[in-house]
Amino acid sequence: MKAKELRQKNQVELQELLKQTKKEYVEVTFQQAIRKLKAHTDIPKKRKLIAQIQTLLKEQQ
């Protein structure tokens, strides 16, 4: 998701997206641990998205 798309969301939507992304991040790291992860680039992408969402939430406060 691009930063421009994230900025168009309100705080509630961002918090919901943050919860969902954190859950996906845990699942991806678990898949990596059991060697079933196909796309290893998913981990940094999820981490970056989490950081972007947290930054936008802090800016909106």
PDB file of N, CA and C in Angstrom:
ATOM      1  N   MET A   1       0.846  -1.178   0.000  1.00  0.00           N
ATOM      2  CA  MET A   1       0.000   0.000   0.000  1.00  0.00           C
ATOM      3  C   MET A   1       0.890   1.240   0.000  1.00  0.00           C
ATOM      4  N   LYS A   2       0.549   2.184  -0.817  1.00  0.00           N
ATOM      5  CA  LYS A   2       1.351   3.388  -0.934  1.00  0.00           C
ATOM      6  C   LYS A   2       1.007   4.378   0.170  1.00  0.00           C
ATOM      7  N   ALA A   3       1.952   5.256   0.458  1.00  0.00           N
ATOM      8  CA  ALA A   3       1.780   6.245   1.516  1.00  0.00           C
ATOM      9  C   ALA A   3       0.600   7.172   1.215  1.00  0.00           C
ATOM     10  N   LYS A   4       0.398   7.480  -0.046  1.00  0.00           N
ATOM     11  CA  LYS A   4      -0.709   8.353  -0.443  1.00  0.00           C
ATOM     12  C   LYS A   4      -2.053   7.709  -0.083  1.00  0.00           C
ATOM     13  N   GLU A   5      -2.155   6.407  -0.306  1.00  0.00           N
ATOM     14  CA  GLU A   5      -3.380   5.683   0.043  1.00  0.00           C
ATOM     15  C   GLU A   5      -3.574   5.645   1.553  1.00  0.00           C
ATOM     16  N   LEU A   6      -2.487   5.499   2.286  1.00  0.00           N
ATOM     17  CA  LEU A   6      -2.587   5.461   3.745  1.00  0.00           C
ATOM     18  C   LEU A   6      -3.037   6.802   4.311  1.00  0.00           C
ATOM     19  N   ARG A   7      -2.560   7.886   3.714  1.00  0.00           N
ATOM     20  CA  ARG A   7      -2.910   9.230   4.221  1.00  0.00           C
ATOM     21  C   ARG A   7      -4.398   9.546   4.023  1.00  0.00           C
ATOM     22  N   GLN A   8      -5.047   8.861   3.105  1.00  0.00           N
ATOM     23  CA  GLN A   8      -6.466   9.115   2.848  1.00  0.00           C
ATOM     24  C   GLN A   8      -7.362   8.415   3.870  1.00  0.00           C
ATOM     25  N   LYS A   9      -6.804   7.526   4.651  1.00  0.00           N
ATOM     26  CA  LYS A   9      -7.600   6.784   5.636  1.00  0.00           C
ATOM     27  C   LYS A   9      -7.681   7.566   6.940  1.00  0.00           C
ATOM     28  N   ASN A  10      -8.777   7.345   7.659  1.00  0.00           N
ATOM     29  CA  ASN A  10      -8.912   8.006   8.953  1.00  0.00           C
ATOM     30  C   ASN A  10      -8.241   7.152  10.039  1.00  0.00           C
ATOM     31  N   GLN A  11      -8.271   7.650  11.261  1.00  0.00           N
ATOM     32  CA  GLN A  11      -7.555   6.987  12.351  1.00  0.00           C
ATOM     33  C   GLN A  11      -8.091   5.589  12.647  1.00  0.00           C
ATOM     34  N   VAL A  12      -9.386   5.417  12.597  1.00  0.00           N
ATOM     35  CA  VAL A  12      -9.983   4.110  12.885  1.00  0.00           C
ATOM     36  C   VAL A  12      -9.561   3.088  11.838  1.00  0.00           C
ATOM     37  N   GLU A  13      -9.597   3.484  10.582  1.00  0.00           N
ATOM     38  CA  GLU A  13      -9.184   2.581   9.508  1.00  0.00           C
ATOM     39  C   GLU A  13      -7.706   2.221   9.627  1.00  0.00           C
ATOM     40  N   LEU A  14      -6.882   3.204  10.002  1.00  0.00           N
ATOM     41  CA  LEU A  14      -5.447   2.938  10.160  1.00  0.00           C
ATOM     42  C   LEU A  14      -5.184   1.979  11.309  1.00  0.00           C
ATOM     43  N   GLN A  15      -5.913   2.149  12.406  1.00  0.00           N
ATOM     44  CA  GLN A  15      -5.732   1.245  13.546  1.00  0.00           C
ATOM     45  C   GLN A  15      -6.148  -0.173  13.188  1.00  0.00           C
ATOM     46  N   GLU A  16      -7.213  -0.299  12.442  1.00  0.00           N
ATOM     47  CA  GLU A  16      -7.675  -1.616  11.998  1.00  0.00           C
ATOM     48  C   GLU A  16      -6.646  -2.249  11.060  1.00  0.00           C
ATOM     49  N   LEU A  17      -6.119  -1.456  10.142  1.00  0.00           N
ATOM     50  CA  LEU A  17      -5.099  -1.940   9.217  1.00  0.00           C
ATOM     51  C   LEU A  17      -3.827  -2.332   9.965  1.00  0.00           C
ATOM     52  N   LEU A  18      -3.495  -1.577  11.000  1.00  0.00           N
ATOM     53  CA  LEU A  18      -2.318  -1.887  11.808  1.00  0.00           C
ATOM     54  C   LEU A  18      -2.477  -3.235  12.502  1.00  0.00           C
ATOM     55  N   LYS A  19      -3.641  -3.485  13.063  1.00  0.00           N
ATOM     56  CA  LYS A  19      -3.899  -4.778  13.712  1.00  0.00           C
ATOM     57  C   LYS A  19      -3.764  -5.922  12.711  1.00  0.00           C
ATOM     58  N   GLN A  20      -4.363  -5.741  11.560  1.00  0.00           N
ATOM     59  CA  GLN A  20      -4.340  -6.777  10.526  1.00  0.00           C
ATOM     60  C   GLN A  20      -2.914  -7.026  10.034  1.00  0.00           C
ATOM     61  N   THR A  21      -2.160  -5.956   9.822  1.00  0.00           N
ATOM     62  CA  THR A  21      -0.803  -6.093   9.318  1.00  0.00           C
ATOM     63  C   THR A  21       0.108  -6.750  10.348  1.00  0.00           C
ATOM     64  N   LYS A  22      -0.066  -6.412  11.617  1.00  0.00           N
ATOM     65  CA  LYS A  22       0.726  -7.050  12.665  1.00  0.00           C
ATOM     66  C   LYS A  22       0.432  -8.547  12.729  1.00  0.00           C
ATOM     67  N   LYS A  23      -0.835  -8.900  12.567  1.00  0.00           N
ATOM     68  CA  LYS A  23      -1.214 -10.309  12.574  1.00  0.00           C
ATOM     69  C   LYS A  23      -0.566 -11.041  11.390  1.00  0.00           C
ATOM     70  N   GLU A  24      -0.603 -10.412  10.215  1.00  0.00           N
ATOM     71  CA  GLU A  24       0.019 -10.999   9.030  1.00  0.00           C
ATOM     72  C   GLU A  24       1.530 -11.130   9.216  1.00  0.00           C
ATOM     73  N   TYR A  25       2.146 -10.145   9.880  1.00  0.00           N
ATOM     74  CA  TYR A  25       3.587 -10.179  10.126  1.00  0.00           C
ATOM     75  C   TYR A  25       3.955 -11.370  11.013  1.00  0.00           C
ATOM     76  N   VAL A  26       3.156 -11.611  12.029  1.00  0.00           N
ATOM     77  CA  VAL A  26       3.408 -12.750  12.909  1.00  0.00           C
ATOM     78  C   VAL A  26       3.292 -14.058  12.126  1.00  0.00           C
ATOM     79  N   GLU A  27       2.283 -14.155  11.281  1.00  0.00           N
ATOM     80  CA  GLU A  27       2.100 -15.363  10.477  1.00  0.00           C
ATOM     81  C   GLU A  27       3.271 -15.580   9.521  1.00  0.00           C
ATOM     82  N   VAL A  28       3.753 -14.511   8.911  1.00  0.00           N
ATOM     83  CA  VAL A  28       4.861 -14.621   7.964  1.00  0.00           C
ATOM     84  C   VAL A  28       6.147 -15.033   8.684  1.00  0.00           C
ATOM     85  N   THR A  29       6.402 -14.444   9.839  1.00  0.00           N
ATOM     86  CA  THR A  29       7.610 -14.819  10.574  1.00  0.00           C
ATOM     87  C   THR A  29       7.522 -16.263  11.061  1.00  0.00           C
ATOM     88  N   PHE A  30       6.328 -16.708  11.410  1.00  0.00           N
ATOM     89  CA  PHE A  30       6.153 -18.101  11.802  1.00  0.00           C
ATOM     90  C   PHE A  30       6.414 -19.029  10.620  1.00  0.00           C
ATOM     91  N   GLN A  31       5.910 -18.656   9.455  1.00  0.00           N
ATOM     92  CA  GLN A  31       6.139 -19.466   8.256  1.00  0.00           C
ATOM     93  C   GLN A  31       7.626 -19.543   7.930  1.00  0.00           C
ATOM     94  N   GLN A  32       8.333 -18.456   8.163  1.00  0.00           N
ATOM     95  CA  GLN A  32       9.771 -18.468   7.918  1.00  0.00           C
ATOM     96  C   GLN A  32      10.467 -19.412   8.901  1.00  0.00           C
ATOM     97  N   ALA A  33      10.006 -19.412  10.128  1.00  0.00           N
ATOM     98  CA  ALA A  33      10.618 -20.255  11.144  1.00  0.00           C
ATOM     99  C   ALA A  33      10.458 -21.741  10.826  1.00  0.00           C
ATOM    100  N   ILE A  34       9.329 -22.098  10.238  1.00  0.00           N
ATOM    101  CA  ILE A  34       9.115 -23.518   9.907  1.00  0.00           C
ATOM    102  C   ILE A  34       9.467 -23.828   8.448  1.00  0.00           C
ATOM    103  N   ARG A  35      10.151 -22.859   7.797  1.00  0.00           N
ATOM    104  CA  ARG A  35      10.677 -23.042   6.443  1.00  0.00           C
ATOM    105  C   ARG A  35       9.606 -23.260   5.377  1.00  0.00           C
ATOM    106  N   LYS A  36       8.442 -22.640   5.543  1.00  0.00           N
ATOM    107  CA  LYS A  36       7.393 -22.762   4.530  1.00  0.00           C
ATOM    108  C   LYS A  36       7.138 -21.451   3.799  1.00  0.00           C
ATOM    109  N   LEU A  37       7.948 -20.457   4.079  1.00  0.00           N
ATOM    110  CA  LEU A  37       7.761 -19.153   3.453  1.00  0.00           C
ATOM    111  C   LEU A  37       8.385 -19.156   2.059  1.00  0.00           C
ATOM    112  N   LYS A  38       7.594 -18.798   1.070  1.00  0.00           N
ATOM    113  CA  LYS A  38       8.073 -18.772  -0.316  1.00  0.00           C
ATOM    114  C   LYS A  38       8.735 -17.433  -0.654  1.00  0.00           C
ATOM    115  N   ALA A  39       8.068 -16.341  -0.310  1.00  0.00           N
ATOM    116  CA  ALA A  39       8.574 -15.003  -0.648  1.00  0.00           C
ATOM    117  C   ALA A  39       9.173 -14.360   0.601  1.00  0.00           C
ATOM    118  N   HIS A  40      10.500 -14.371   0.676  1.00  0.00           N
ATOM    119  CA  HIS A  40      11.172 -13.842   1.856  1.00  0.00           C
ATOM    120  C   HIS A  40      11.121 -12.318   1.936  1.00  0.00           C
ATOM    121  N   THR A  41      10.716 -11.679   0.871  1.00  0.00           N
ATOM    122  CA  THR A  41      10.620 -10.222   0.887  1.00  0.00           C
ATOM    123  C   THR A  41       9.372  -9.736   1.612  1.00  0.00           C
ATOM    124  N   ASP A  42       8.483 -10.649   1.986  1.00  0.00           N
ATOM    125  CA  ASP A  42       7.261 -10.254   2.689  1.00  0.00           C
ATOM    126  C   ASP A  42       7.555  -9.693   4.079  1.00  0.00           C
ATOM    127  N   ILE A  43       8.572 -10.203   4.731  1.00  0.00           N
ATOM    128  CA  ILE A  43       8.877  -9.775   6.101  1.00  0.00           C
ATOM    129  C   ILE A  43       9.257  -8.298   6.145  1.00  0.00           C
ATOM    130  N   PRO A  44      10.238  -7.844   5.369  1.00  0.00           N
ATOM    131  CA  PRO A  44      10.556  -6.416   5.414  1.00  0.00           C
ATOM    132  C   PRO A  44       9.413  -5.523   4.927  1.00  0.00           C
ATOM    133  N   LYS A  45       8.629  -6.019   3.968  1.00  0.00           N
ATOM    134  CA  LYS A  45       7.494  -5.229   3.472  1.00  0.00           C
ATOM    135  C   LYS A  45       6.465  -5.008   4.573  1.00  0.00           C
ATOM    136  N   LYS A  46       6.161  -6.060   5.327  1.00  0.00           N
ATOM    137  CA  LYS A  46       5.190  -5.932   6.420  1.00  0.00           C
ATOM    138  C   LYS A  46       5.732  -5.001   7.500  1.00  0.00           C
ATOM    139  N   ARG A  47       7.027  -5.142   7.812  1.00  0.00           N
ATOM    140  CA  ARG A  47       7.636  -4.301   8.840  1.00  0.00           C
ATOM    141  C   ARG A  47       7.593  -2.829   8.426  1.00  0.00           C
ATOM    142  N   LYS A  48       7.848  -2.567   7.147  1.00  0.00           N
ATOM    143  CA  LYS A  48       7.815  -1.193   6.631  1.00  0.00           C
ATOM    144  C   LYS A  48       6.395  -0.627   6.682  1.00  0.00           C
ATOM    145  N   LEU A  49       5.419  -1.436   6.316  1.00  0.00           N
ATOM    146  CA  LEU A  49       4.033  -0.986   6.346  1.00  0.00           C
ATOM    147  C   LEU A  49       3.594  -0.665   7.777  1.00  0.00           C
ATOM    148  N   ILE A  50       3.998  -1.500   8.724  1.00  0.00           N
ATOM    149  CA  ILE A  50       3.673  -1.253  10.132  1.00  0.00           C
ATOM    150  C   ILE A  50       4.274   0.081  10.568  1.00  0.00           C
ATOM    151  N   ALA A  51       5.514   0.342  10.214  1.00  0.00           N
ATOM    152  CA  ALA A  51       6.169   1.599  10.583  1.00  0.00           C
ATOM    153  C   ALA A  51       5.468   2.803   9.949  1.00  0.00           C
ATOM    154  N   GLN A  52       5.062   2.670   8.696  1.00  0.00           N
ATOM    155  CA  GLN A  52       4.363   3.775   8.025  1.00  0.00           C
ATOM    156  C   GLN A  52       3.036   4.076   8.707  1.00  0.00           C
ATOM    157  N   ILE A  53       2.294   3.042   9.048  1.00  0.00           N
ATOM    158  CA  ILE A  53       0.992   3.238   9.703  1.00  0.00           C
ATOM    159  C   ILE A  53       1.178   3.885  11.064  1.00  0.00           C
ATOM    160  N   GLN A  54       2.161   3.407  11.829  1.00  0.00           N
ATOM    161  CA  GLN A  54       2.403   3.983  13.154  1.00  0.00           C
ATOM    162  C   GLN A  54       2.800   5.451  13.051  1.00  0.00           C
ATOM    163  N   THR A  55       3.592   5.788  12.043  1.00  0.00           N
ATOM    164  CA  THR A  55       3.997   7.178  11.834  1.00  0.00           C
ATOM    165  C   THR A  55       2.787   8.048  11.520  1.00  0.00           C
ATOM    166  N   LEU A  56       1.933   7.576  10.641  1.00  0.00           N
ATOM    167  CA  LEU A  56       0.742   8.361  10.282  1.00  0.00           C
ATOM    168  C   LEU A  56      -0.189   8.530  11.475  1.00  0.00           C
ATOM    169  N   LEU A  57      -0.322   7.499  12.296  1.00  0.00           N
ATOM    170  CA  LEU A  57      -1.169   7.607  13.489  1.00  0.00           C
ATOM    171  C   LEU A  57      -0.617   8.650  14.455  1.00  0.00           C
ATOM    172  N   LYS A  58       0.690   8.717  14.600  1.00  0.00           N
ATOM    173  CA  LYS A  58       1.305   9.715  15.487  1.00  0.00           C
ATOM    174  C   LYS A  58       1.141  11.119  14.915  1.00  0.00           C
ATOM    175  N   GLU A  59       1.212  11.230  13.586  1.00  0.00           N
ATOM    176  CA  GLU A  59       1.020  12.542  12.955  1.00  0.00           C
ATOM    177  C   GLU A  59      -0.392  13.050  13.136  1.00  0.00           C
ATOM    178  N   GLN A  60      -1.357  12.148  13.141  1.00  0.00           N
ATOM    179  CA  GLN A  60      -2.758  12.554  13.250  1.00  0.00           C
ATOM    180  C   GLN A  60      -3.157  12.929  14.676  1.00  0.00           C
ATOM    181  N   GLN A  61      -2.372  12.544  15.649  1.00  0.00           N
ATOM    182  CA  GLN A  61      -2.742  12.844  17.046  1.00  0.00           C
ATOM    183  C   GLN A  61      -2.470  14.253  17.420  1.00  0.00           C
TER     184      GLN A  61
END
